[in-house]
Amino acid sequence: MTHSNALKGVVSLLGQVKNMDKKSILVKARERLATTLILFELILSVIFALVGHLTGSKYVSGIGIGLIIAWVTSALAYFRVKHLKEEER
């Protein structure tokens, strides 16, 4: 692929993005952000819990357990709100 063909492809993609509804892009980004943050919180909680367990540090284990509790709470809230929005439609 030559540089001019690659540039034409990028310009074509940018034209498609301009034609898309900006509101739908923001809604999709917001949904992905929420999912990403929930998964990130889960990963961090597991890491802290494991590190705390392996090092024998009650403090770090406590952080991991607190993050697990926060993860469960945020995941339940996310899925509840998502379910309510689907019922409205």
PDB file of N, CA and C in Angstrom:
ATOM      1  N   MET A   1       0.855  -1.174   0.000  1.00  0.00           N
ATOM      2  CA  MET A   1       0.000   0.000   0.000  1.00  0.00           C
ATOM      3  C   MET A   1       0.901   1.238   0.000  1.00  0.00           C
ATOM      4  N   THR A   2       0.663   2.127  -0.913  1.00  0.00           N
ATOM      5  CA  THR A   2       1.472   3.334  -0.985  1.00  0.00           C
ATOM      6  C   THR A   2       0.959   4.353   0.009  1.00  0.00           C
ATOM      7  N   HIS A   3       1.771   5.377   0.214  1.00  0.00           N
ATOM      8  CA  HIS A   3       1.389   6.425   1.159  1.00  0.00           C
ATOM      9  C   HIS A   3       0.143   7.174   0.705  1.00  0.00           C
ATOM     10  N   SER A   4       0.023   7.385  -0.617  1.00  0.00           N
ATOM     11  CA  SER A   4      -1.143   8.125  -1.100  1.00  0.00           C
ATOM     12  C   SER A   4      -2.425   7.306  -0.903  1.00  0.00           C
ATOM     13  N   ASN A   5      -2.345   5.987  -1.080  1.00  0.00           N
ATOM     14  CA  ASN A   5      -3.521   5.145  -0.850  1.00  0.00           C
ATOM     15  C   ASN A   5      -3.894   5.135   0.629  1.00  0.00           C
ATOM     16  N   ALA A   6      -2.892   5.087   1.507  1.00  0.00           N
ATOM     17  CA  ALA A   6      -3.159   5.108   2.940  1.00  0.00           C
ATOM     18  C   ALA A   6      -3.802   6.432   3.332  1.00  0.00           C
ATOM     19  N   LEU A   7      -3.299   7.526   2.770  1.00  0.00           N
ATOM     20  CA  LEU A   7      -3.853   8.842   3.057  1.00  0.00           C
ATOM     21  C   LEU A   7      -5.296   8.946   2.563  1.00  0.00           C
ATOM     22  N   LYS A   8      -5.569   8.385   1.397  1.00  0.00           N
ATOM     23  CA  LYS A   8      -6.935   8.389   0.886  1.00  0.00           C
ATOM     24  C   LYS A   8      -7.858   7.588   1.804  1.00  0.00           C
ATOM     25  N   GLY A   9      -7.347   6.486   2.335  1.00  0.00           N
ATOM     26  CA  GLY A   9      -8.144   5.680   3.259  1.00  0.00           C
ATOM     27  C   GLY A   9      -8.466   6.427   4.535  1.00  0.00           C
ATOM     28  N   VAL A  10      -7.474   7.160   5.068  1.00  0.00           N
ATOM     29  CA  VAL A  10      -7.692   7.940   6.286  1.00  0.00           C
ATOM     30  C   VAL A  10      -8.698   9.049   6.032  1.00  0.00           C
ATOM     31  N   VAL A  11      -8.572   9.733   4.903  1.00  0.00           N
ATOM     32  CA  VAL A  11      -9.505  10.805   4.561  1.00  0.00           C
ATOM     33  C   VAL A  11     -10.909  10.227   4.392  1.00  0.00           C
ATOM     34  N   SER A  12     -11.007   9.056   3.792  1.00  0.00           N
ATOM     35  CA  SER A  12     -12.304   8.406   3.629  1.00  0.00           C
ATOM     36  C   SER A  12     -12.927   8.083   4.987  1.00  0.00           C
ATOM     37  N   LEU A  13     -12.116   7.571   5.908  1.00  0.00           N
ATOM     38  CA  LEU A  13     -12.627   7.266   7.247  1.00  0.00           C
ATOM     39  C   LEU A  13     -13.068   8.525   7.972  1.00  0.00           C
ATOM     40  N   LEU A  14     -12.306   9.598   7.824  1.00  0.00           N
ATOM     41  CA  LEU A  14     -12.680  10.852   8.470  1.00  0.00           C
ATOM     42  C   LEU A  14     -13.992  11.380   7.905  1.00  0.00           C
ATOM     43  N   GLY A  15     -14.210  11.201   6.623  1.00  0.00           N
ATOM     44  CA  GLY A  15     -15.471  11.614   6.017  1.00  0.00           C
ATOM     45  C   GLY A  15     -16.637  10.826   6.570  1.00  0.00           C
ATOM     46  N   GLN A  16     -16.425   9.530   6.819  1.00  0.00           N
ATOM     47  CA  GLN A  16     -17.482   8.708   7.388  1.00  0.00           C
ATOM     48  C   GLN A  16     -17.795   9.136   8.816  1.00  0.00           C
ATOM     49  N   VAL A  17     -16.767   9.502   9.572  1.00  0.00           N
ATOM     50  CA  VAL A  17     -16.984   9.940  10.956  1.00  0.00           C
ATOM     51  C   VAL A  17     -17.777  11.243  10.968  1.00  0.00           C
ATOM     52  N   LYS A  18     -17.492  12.144  10.039  1.00  0.00           N
ATOM     53  CA  LYS A  18     -18.234  13.405   9.983  1.00  0.00           C
ATOM     54  C   LYS A  18     -19.699  13.157   9.678  1.00  0.00           C
ATOM     55  N   ASN A  19     -19.979  12.132   8.877  1.00  0.00           N
ATOM     56  CA  ASN A  19     -21.357  11.840   8.507  1.00  0.00           C
ATOM     57  C   ASN A  19     -22.131  11.157   9.633  1.00  0.00           C
ATOM     58  N   MET A  20     -21.420  10.525  10.557  1.00  0.00           N
ATOM     59  CA  MET A  20     -22.098   9.839  11.657  1.00  0.00           C
ATOM     60  C   MET A  20     -22.692  10.859  12.621  1.00  0.00           C
ATOM     61  N   ASP A  21     -23.706  10.448  13.293  1.00  0.00           N
ATOM     62  CA  ASP A  21     -24.343  11.303  14.282  1.00  0.00           C
ATOM     63  C   ASP A  21     -23.417  11.444  15.485  1.00  0.00           C
ATOM     64  N   LYS A  22     -23.083  12.685  15.838  1.00  0.00           N
ATOM     65  CA  LYS A  22     -22.158  12.915  16.946  1.00  0.00           C
ATOM     66  C   LYS A  22     -22.731  12.412  18.258  1.00  0.00           C
ATOM     67  N   LYS A  23     -24.029  12.487  18.408  1.00  0.00           N
ATOM     68  CA  LYS A  23     -24.655  12.040  19.643  1.00  0.00           C
ATOM     69  C   LYS A  23     -24.467  10.537  19.830  1.00  0.00           C
ATOM     70  N   SER A  24     -24.611   9.767  18.759  1.00  0.00           N
ATOM     71  CA  SER A  24     -24.442   8.319  18.876  1.00  0.00           C
ATOM     72  C   SER A  24     -22.996   7.962  19.198  1.00  0.00           C
ATOM     73  N   ILE A  25     -22.051   8.736  18.705  1.00  0.00           N
ATOM     74  CA  ILE A  25     -20.646   8.498  19.016  1.00  0.00           C
ATOM     75  C   ILE A  25     -20.402   8.722  20.502  1.00  0.00           C
ATOM     76  N   LEU A  26     -20.973   9.785  21.052  1.00  0.00           N
ATOM     77  CA  LEU A  26     -20.794  10.062  22.476  1.00  0.00           C
ATOM     78  C   LEU A  26     -21.456   9.000  23.346  1.00  0.00           C
ATOM     79  N   VAL A  27     -22.614   8.512  22.931  1.00  0.00           N
ATOM     80  CA  VAL A  27     -23.304   7.471  23.698  1.00  0.00           C
ATOM     81  C   VAL A  27     -22.471   6.196  23.706  1.00  0.00           C
ATOM     82  N   LYS A  28     -21.944   5.809  22.565  1.00  0.00           N
ATOM     83  CA  LYS A  28     -21.111   4.608  22.483  1.00  0.00           C
ATOM     84  C   LYS A  28     -19.840   4.769  23.319  1.00  0.00           C
ATOM     85  N   ALA A  29     -19.228   5.940  23.253  1.00  0.00           N
ATOM     86  CA  ALA A  29     -18.013   6.179  24.031  1.00  0.00           C
ATOM     87  C   ALA A  29     -18.309   6.127  25.523  1.00  0.00           C
ATOM     88  N   ARG A  30     -19.435   6.681  25.938  1.00  0.00           N
ATOM     89  CA  ARG A  30     -19.800   6.667  27.352  1.00  0.00           C
ATOM     90  C   ARG A  30     -20.032   5.239  27.834  1.00  0.00           C
ATOM     91  N   GLU A  31     -20.679   4.423  26.996  1.00  0.00           N
ATOM     92  CA  GLU A  31     -20.937   3.032  27.373  1.00  0.00           C
ATOM     93  C   GLU A  31     -19.625   2.253  27.470  1.00  0.00           C
ATOM     94  N   ARG A  32     -18.739   2.465  26.531  1.00  0.00           N
ATOM     95  CA  ARG A  32     -17.440   1.779  26.573  1.00  0.00           C
ATOM     96  C   ARG A  32     -16.623   2.235  27.764  1.00  0.00           C
ATOM     97  N   LEU A  33     -16.705   3.510  28.089  1.00  0.00           N
ATOM     98  CA  LEU A  33     -15.959   4.037  29.228  1.00  0.00           C
ATOM     99  C   LEU A  33     -16.427   3.390  30.516  1.00  0.00           C
ATOM    100  N   ALA A  34     -17.728   3.275  30.683  1.00  0.00           N
ATOM    101  CA  ALA A  34     -18.262   2.665  31.901  1.00  0.00           C
ATOM    102  C   ALA A  34     -17.811   1.213  32.014  1.00  0.00           C
ATOM    103  N   THR A  35     -17.909   0.469  30.929  1.00  0.00           N
ATOM    104  CA  THR A  35     -17.480  -0.926  30.936  1.00  0.00           C
ATOM    105  C   THR A  35     -15.988  -1.040  31.201  1.00  0.00           C
ATOM    106  N   THR A  36     -15.211  -0.184  30.573  1.00  0.00           N
ATOM    107  CA  THR A  36     -13.762  -0.202  30.753  1.00  0.00           C
ATOM    108  C   THR A  36     -13.385   0.101  32.194  1.00  0.00           C
ATOM    109  N   LEU A  37     -14.024   1.086  32.791  1.00  0.00           N
ATOM    110  CA  LEU A  37     -13.709   1.431  34.177  1.00  0.00           C
ATOM    111  C   LEU A  37     -14.092   0.318  35.143  1.00  0.00           C
ATOM    112  N   ILE A  38     -15.203  -0.346  34.888  1.00  0.00           N
ATOM    113  CA  ILE A  38     -15.613  -1.460  35.749  1.00  0.00           C
ATOM    114  C   ILE A  38     -14.609  -2.605  35.642  1.00  0.00           C
ATOM    115  N   LEU A  39     -14.171  -2.930  34.438  1.00  0.00           N
ATOM    116  CA  LEU A  39     -13.178  -3.993  34.269  1.00  0.00           C
ATOM    117  C   LEU A  39     -11.838  -3.602  34.886  1.00  0.00           C
ATOM    118  N   PHE A  40     -11.447  -2.349  34.744  1.00  0.00           N
ATOM    119  CA  PHE A  40     -10.195  -1.864  35.329  1.00  0.00           C
ATOM    120  C   PHE A  40     -10.242  -1.966  36.845  1.00  0.00           C
ATOM    121  N   GLU A  41     -11.388  -1.647  37.429  1.00  0.00           N
ATOM    122  CA  GLU A  41     -11.545  -1.742  38.876  1.00  0.00           C
ATOM    123  C   GLU A  41     -11.439  -3.197  39.339  1.00  0.00           C
ATOM    124  N   LEU A  42     -11.993  -4.109  38.563  1.00  0.00           N
ATOM    125  CA  LEU A  42     -11.888  -5.533  38.895  1.00  0.00           C
ATOM    126  C   LEU A  42     -10.438  -5.997  38.848  1.00  0.00           C
ATOM    127  N   ILE A  43      -9.734  -5.614  37.804  1.00  0.00           N
ATOM    128  CA  ILE A  43      -8.327  -6.011  37.664  1.00  0.00           C
ATOM    129  C   ILE A  43      -7.486  -5.457  38.809  1.00  0.00           C
ATOM    130  N   LEU A  44      -7.693  -4.184  39.128  1.00  0.00           N
ATOM    131  CA  LEU A  44      -6.943  -3.593  40.241  1.00  0.00           C
ATOM    132  C   LEU A  44      -7.248  -4.279  41.564  1.00  0.00           C
ATOM    133  N   SER A  45      -8.512  -4.621  41.794  1.00  0.00           N
ATOM    134  CA  SER A  45      -8.884  -5.262  43.051  1.00  0.00           C
ATOM    135  C   SER A  45      -8.225  -6.632  43.178  1.00  0.00           C
ATOM    136  N   VAL A  46      -8.190  -7.383  42.082  1.00  0.00           N
ATOM    137  CA  VAL A  46      -7.550  -8.697  42.115  1.00  0.00           C
ATOM    138  C   VAL A  46      -6.055  -8.556  42.349  1.00  0.00           C
ATOM    139  N   ILE A  47      -5.436  -7.597  41.693  1.00  0.00           N
ATOM    140  CA  ILE A  47      -3.994  -7.385  41.872  1.00  0.00           C
ATOM    141  C   ILE A  47      -3.685  -7.019  43.321  1.00  0.00           C
ATOM    142  N   PHE A  48      -4.418  -6.062  43.881  1.00  0.00           N
ATOM    143  CA  PHE A  48      -4.162  -5.664  45.267  1.00  0.00           C
ATOM    144  C   PHE A  48      -4.419  -6.812  46.239  1.00  0.00           C
ATOM    145  N   ALA A  49      -5.493  -7.572  46.015  1.00  0.00           N
ATOM    146  CA  ALA A  49      -5.799  -8.687  46.912  1.00  0.00           C
ATOM    147  C   ALA A  49      -4.703  -9.750  46.846  1.00  0.00           C
ATOM    148  N   LEU A  50      -4.221 -10.061  45.646  1.00  0.00           N
ATOM    149  CA  LEU A  50      -3.157 -11.059  45.502  1.00  0.00           C
ATOM    150  C   LEU A  50      -1.839 -10.580  46.104  1.00  0.00           C
ATOM    151  N   VAL A  51      -1.480  -9.348  45.819  1.00  0.00           N
ATOM    152  CA  VAL A  51      -0.229  -8.802  46.361  1.00  0.00           C
ATOM    153  C   VAL A  51      -0.298  -8.751  47.886  1.00  0.00           C
ATOM    154  N   GLY A  52      -1.422  -8.347  48.412  1.00  0.00           N
ATOM    155  CA  GLY A  52      -1.593  -8.308  49.857  1.00  0.00           C
ATOM    156  C   GLY A  52      -1.491  -9.683  50.477  1.00  0.00           C
ATOM    157  N   HIS A  53      -2.077 -10.670  49.806  1.00  0.00           N
ATOM    158  CA  HIS A  53      -2.019 -12.041  50.317  1.00  0.00           C
ATOM    159  C   HIS A  53      -0.600 -12.600  50.244  1.00  0.00           C
ATOM    160  N   LEU A  54       0.069 -12.365  49.111  1.00  0.00           N
ATOM    161  CA  LEU A  54       1.418 -12.904  48.926  1.00  0.00           C
ATOM    162  C   LEU A  54       2.438 -12.249  49.851  1.00  0.00           C
ATOM    163  N   THR A  55       2.273 -10.961  50.120  1.00  0.00           N
ATOM    164  CA  THR A  55       3.223 -10.270  50.992  1.00  0.00           C
ATOM    165  C   THR A  55       2.823 -10.330  52.462  1.00  0.00           C
ATOM    166  N   GLY A  56       1.618 -10.771  52.727  1.00  0.00           N
ATOM    167  CA  GLY A  56       1.141 -10.841  54.103  1.00  0.00           C
ATOM    168  C   GLY A  56       0.767  -9.486  54.679  1.00  0.00           C
ATOM    169  N   SER A  57       0.555  -8.512  53.811  1.00  0.00           N
ATOM    170  CA  SER A  57       0.211  -7.167  54.254  1.00  0.00           C
ATOM    171  C   SER A  57      -1.302  -7.033  54.383  1.00  0.00           C
ATOM    172  N   LYS A  58      -1.753  -6.810  55.605  1.00  0.00           N
ATOM    173  CA  LYS A  58      -3.186  -6.636  55.821  1.00  0.00           C
ATOM    174  C   LYS A  58      -3.678  -5.337  55.194  1.00  0.00           C
ATOM    175  N   TYR A  59      -2.830  -4.333  55.166  1.00  0.00           N
ATOM    176  CA  TYR A  59      -3.206  -3.046  54.593  1.00  0.00           C
ATOM    177  C   TYR A  59      -3.512  -3.193  53.098  1.00  0.00           C
ATOM    178  N   VAL A  60      -2.605  -3.826  52.362  1.00  0.00           N
ATOM    179  CA  VAL A  60      -2.799  -3.981  50.916  1.00  0.00           C
ATOM    180  C   VAL A  60      -3.963  -4.933  50.645  1.00  0.00           C
ATOM    181  N   SER A  61      -4.117  -5.967  51.447  1.00  0.00           N
ATOM    182  CA  SER A  61      -5.268  -6.862  51.303  1.00  0.00           C
ATOM    183  C   SER A  61      -6.571  -6.104  51.531  1.00  0.00           C
ATOM    184  N   GLY A  62      -6.564  -5.210  52.505  1.00  0.00           N
ATOM    185  CA  GLY A  62      -7.743  -4.396  52.782  1.00  0.00           C
ATOM    186  C   GLY A  62      -8.108  -3.499  51.620  1.00  0.00           C
ATOM    187  N   ILE A  63      -7.090  -2.953  50.962  1.00  0.00           N
ATOM    188  CA  ILE A  63      -7.344  -2.137  49.769  1.00  0.00           C
ATOM    189  C   ILE A  63      -7.984  -2.999  48.680  1.00  0.00           C
ATOM    190  N   GLY A  64      -7.448  -4.204  48.500  1.00  0.00           N
ATOM    191  CA  GLY A  64      -8.009  -5.120  47.504  1.00  0.00           C
ATOM    192  C   GLY A  64      -9.440  -5.490  47.806  1.00  0.00           C
ATOM    193  N   ILE A  65      -9.729  -5.775  49.068  1.00  0.00           N
ATOM    194  CA  ILE A  65     -11.100  -6.133  49.449  1.00  0.00           C
ATOM    195  C   ILE A  65     -12.035  -4.942  49.273  1.00  0.00           C
ATOM    196  N   GLY A  66     -11.570  -3.758  49.626  1.00  0.00           N
ATOM    197  CA  GLY A  66     -12.379  -2.556  49.417  1.00  0.00           C
ATOM    198  C   GLY A  66     -12.668  -2.320  47.947  1.00  0.00           C
ATOM    199  N   LEU A  67     -11.678  -2.566  47.093  1.00  0.00           N
ATOM    200  CA  LEU A  67     -11.888  -2.413  45.649  1.00  0.00           C
ATOM    201  C   LEU A  67     -12.844  -3.475  45.109  1.00  0.00           C
ATOM    202  N   ILE A  68     -12.798  -4.676  45.673  1.00  0.00           N
ATOM    203  CA  ILE A  68     -13.741  -5.721  45.249  1.00  0.00           C
ATOM    204  C   ILE A  68     -15.162  -5.296  45.599  1.00  0.00           C
ATOM    205  N   ILE A  69     -15.346  -4.761  46.801  1.00  0.00           N
ATOM    206  CA  ILE A  69     -16.671  -4.287  47.207  1.00  0.00           C
ATOM    207  C   ILE A  69     -17.136  -3.160  46.285  1.00  0.00           C
ATOM    208  N   ALA A  70     -16.238  -2.237  45.972  1.00  0.00           N
ATOM    209  CA  ALA A  70     -16.577  -1.129  45.071  1.00  0.00           C
ATOM    210  C   ALA A  70     -16.899  -1.653  43.674  1.00  0.00           C
ATOM    211  N   TRP A  71     -16.160  -2.668  43.225  1.00  0.00           N
ATOM    212  CA  TRP A  71     -16.410  -3.239  41.908  1.00  0.00           C
ATOM    213  C   TRP A  71     -17.794  -3.871  41.844  1.00  0.00           C
ATOM    214  N   VAL A  72     -18.147  -4.653  42.854  1.00  0.00           N
ATOM    215  CA  VAL A  72     -19.454  -5.300  42.865  1.00  0.00           C
ATOM    216  C   VAL A  72     -20.564  -4.234  42.854  1.00  0.00           C
ATOM    217  N   THR A  73     -20.382  -3.205  43.663  1.00  0.00           N
ATOM    218  CA  THR A  73     -21.386  -2.141  43.737  1.00  0.00           C
ATOM    219  C   THR A  73     -21.544  -1.431  42.392  1.00  0.00           C
ATOM    220  N   SER A  74     -20.436  -1.080  41.774  1.00  0.00           N
ATOM    221  CA  SER A  74     -20.520  -0.359  40.496  1.00  0.00           C
ATOM    222  C   SER A  74     -21.055  -1.260  39.387  1.00  0.00           C
ATOM    223  N   ALA A  75     -20.696  -2.536  39.393  1.00  0.00           N
ATOM    224  CA  ALA A  75     -21.203  -3.448  38.363  1.00  0.00           C
ATOM    225  C   ALA A  75     -22.712  -3.639  38.516  1.00  0.00           C
ATOM    226  N   LEU A  76     -23.180  -3.802  39.753  1.00  0.00           N
ATOM    227  CA  LEU A  76     -24.619  -3.938  39.974  1.00  0.00           C
ATOM    228  C   LEU A  76     -25.370  -2.682  39.535  1.00  0.00           C
ATOM    229  N   ALA A  77     -24.837  -1.522  39.883  1.00  0.00           N
ATOM    230  CA  ALA A  77     -25.483  -0.267  39.490  1.00  0.00           C
ATOM    231  C   ALA A  77     -25.489  -0.110  37.969  1.00  0.00           C
ATOM    232  N   TYR A  78     -24.386  -0.437  37.322  1.00  0.00           N
ATOM    233  CA  TYR A  78     -24.297  -0.317  35.871  1.00  0.00           C
ATOM    234  C   TYR A  78     -25.326  -1.205  35.184  1.00  0.00           C
ATOM    235  N   PHE A  79     -25.390  -2.467  35.599  1.00  0.00           N
ATOM    236  CA  PHE A  79     -26.322  -3.379  34.945  1.00  0.00           C
ATOM    237  C   PHE A  79     -27.768  -3.054  35.277  1.00  0.00           C
ATOM    238  N   ARG A  80     -28.034  -2.531  36.461  1.00  0.00           N
ATOM    239  CA  ARG A  80     -29.393  -2.137  36.834  1.00  0.00           C
ATOM    240  C   ARG A  80     -29.862  -0.955  35.974  1.00  0.00           C
ATOM    241  N   VAL A  81     -29.002   0.035  35.829  1.00  0.00           N
ATOM    242  CA  VAL A  81     -29.349   1.203  35.003  1.00  0.00           C
ATOM    243  C   VAL A  81     -29.510   0.781  33.546  1.00  0.00           C
ATOM    244  N   LYS A  82     -28.634  -0.085  33.078  1.00  0.00           N
ATOM    245  CA  LYS A  82     -28.732  -0.558  31.696  1.00  0.00           C
ATOM    246  C   LYS A  82     -30.043  -1.309  31.488  1.00  0.00           C
ATOM    247  N   HIS A  83     -30.437  -2.117  32.457  1.00  0.00           N
ATOM    248  CA  HIS A  83     -31.693  -2.868  32.371  1.00  0.00           C
ATOM    249  C   HIS A  83     -32.893  -1.915  32.370  1.00  0.00           C
ATOM    250  N   LEU A  84     -32.845  -0.892  33.213  1.00  0.00           N
ATOM    251  CA  LEU A  84     -33.945   0.076  33.258  1.00  0.00           C
ATOM    252  C   LEU A  84     -34.072   0.846  31.951  1.00  0.00           C
ATOM    253  N   LYS A  85     -32.938   1.208  31.339  1.00  0.00           N
ATOM    254  CA  LYS A  85     -32.981   1.911  30.064  1.00  0.00           C
ATOM    255  C   LYS A  85     -33.570   1.041  28.959  1.00  0.00           C
ATOM    256  N   GLU A  86     -33.262  -0.267  29.002  1.00  0.00           N
ATOM    257  CA  GLU A  86     -33.808  -1.172  27.996  1.00  0.00           C
ATOM    258  C   GLU A  86     -35.309  -1.337  28.170  1.00  0.00           C
ATOM    259  N   GLU A  87     -35.798  -1.294  29.427  1.00  0.00           N
ATOM    260  CA  GLU A  87     -37.233  -1.402  29.668  1.00  0.00           C
ATOM    261  C   GLU A  87     -37.981  -0.178  29.161  1.00  0.00           C
ATOM    262  N   GLU A  88     -37.347   0.989  29.197  1.00  0.00           N
ATOM    263  CA  GLU A  88     -37.984   2.217  28.719  1.00  0.00           C
ATOM    264  C   GLU A  88     -38.221   2.166  27.212  1.00  0.00           C
ATOM    265  N   ARG A  89     -37.401   1.475  26.511  1.00  0.00           N
ATOM    266  CA  ARG A  89     -37.508   1.435  25.040  1.00  0.00           C
ATOM    267  C   ARG A  89     -38.610   0.576  24.650  1.00  0.00           C
TER     268      ARG A  89
END
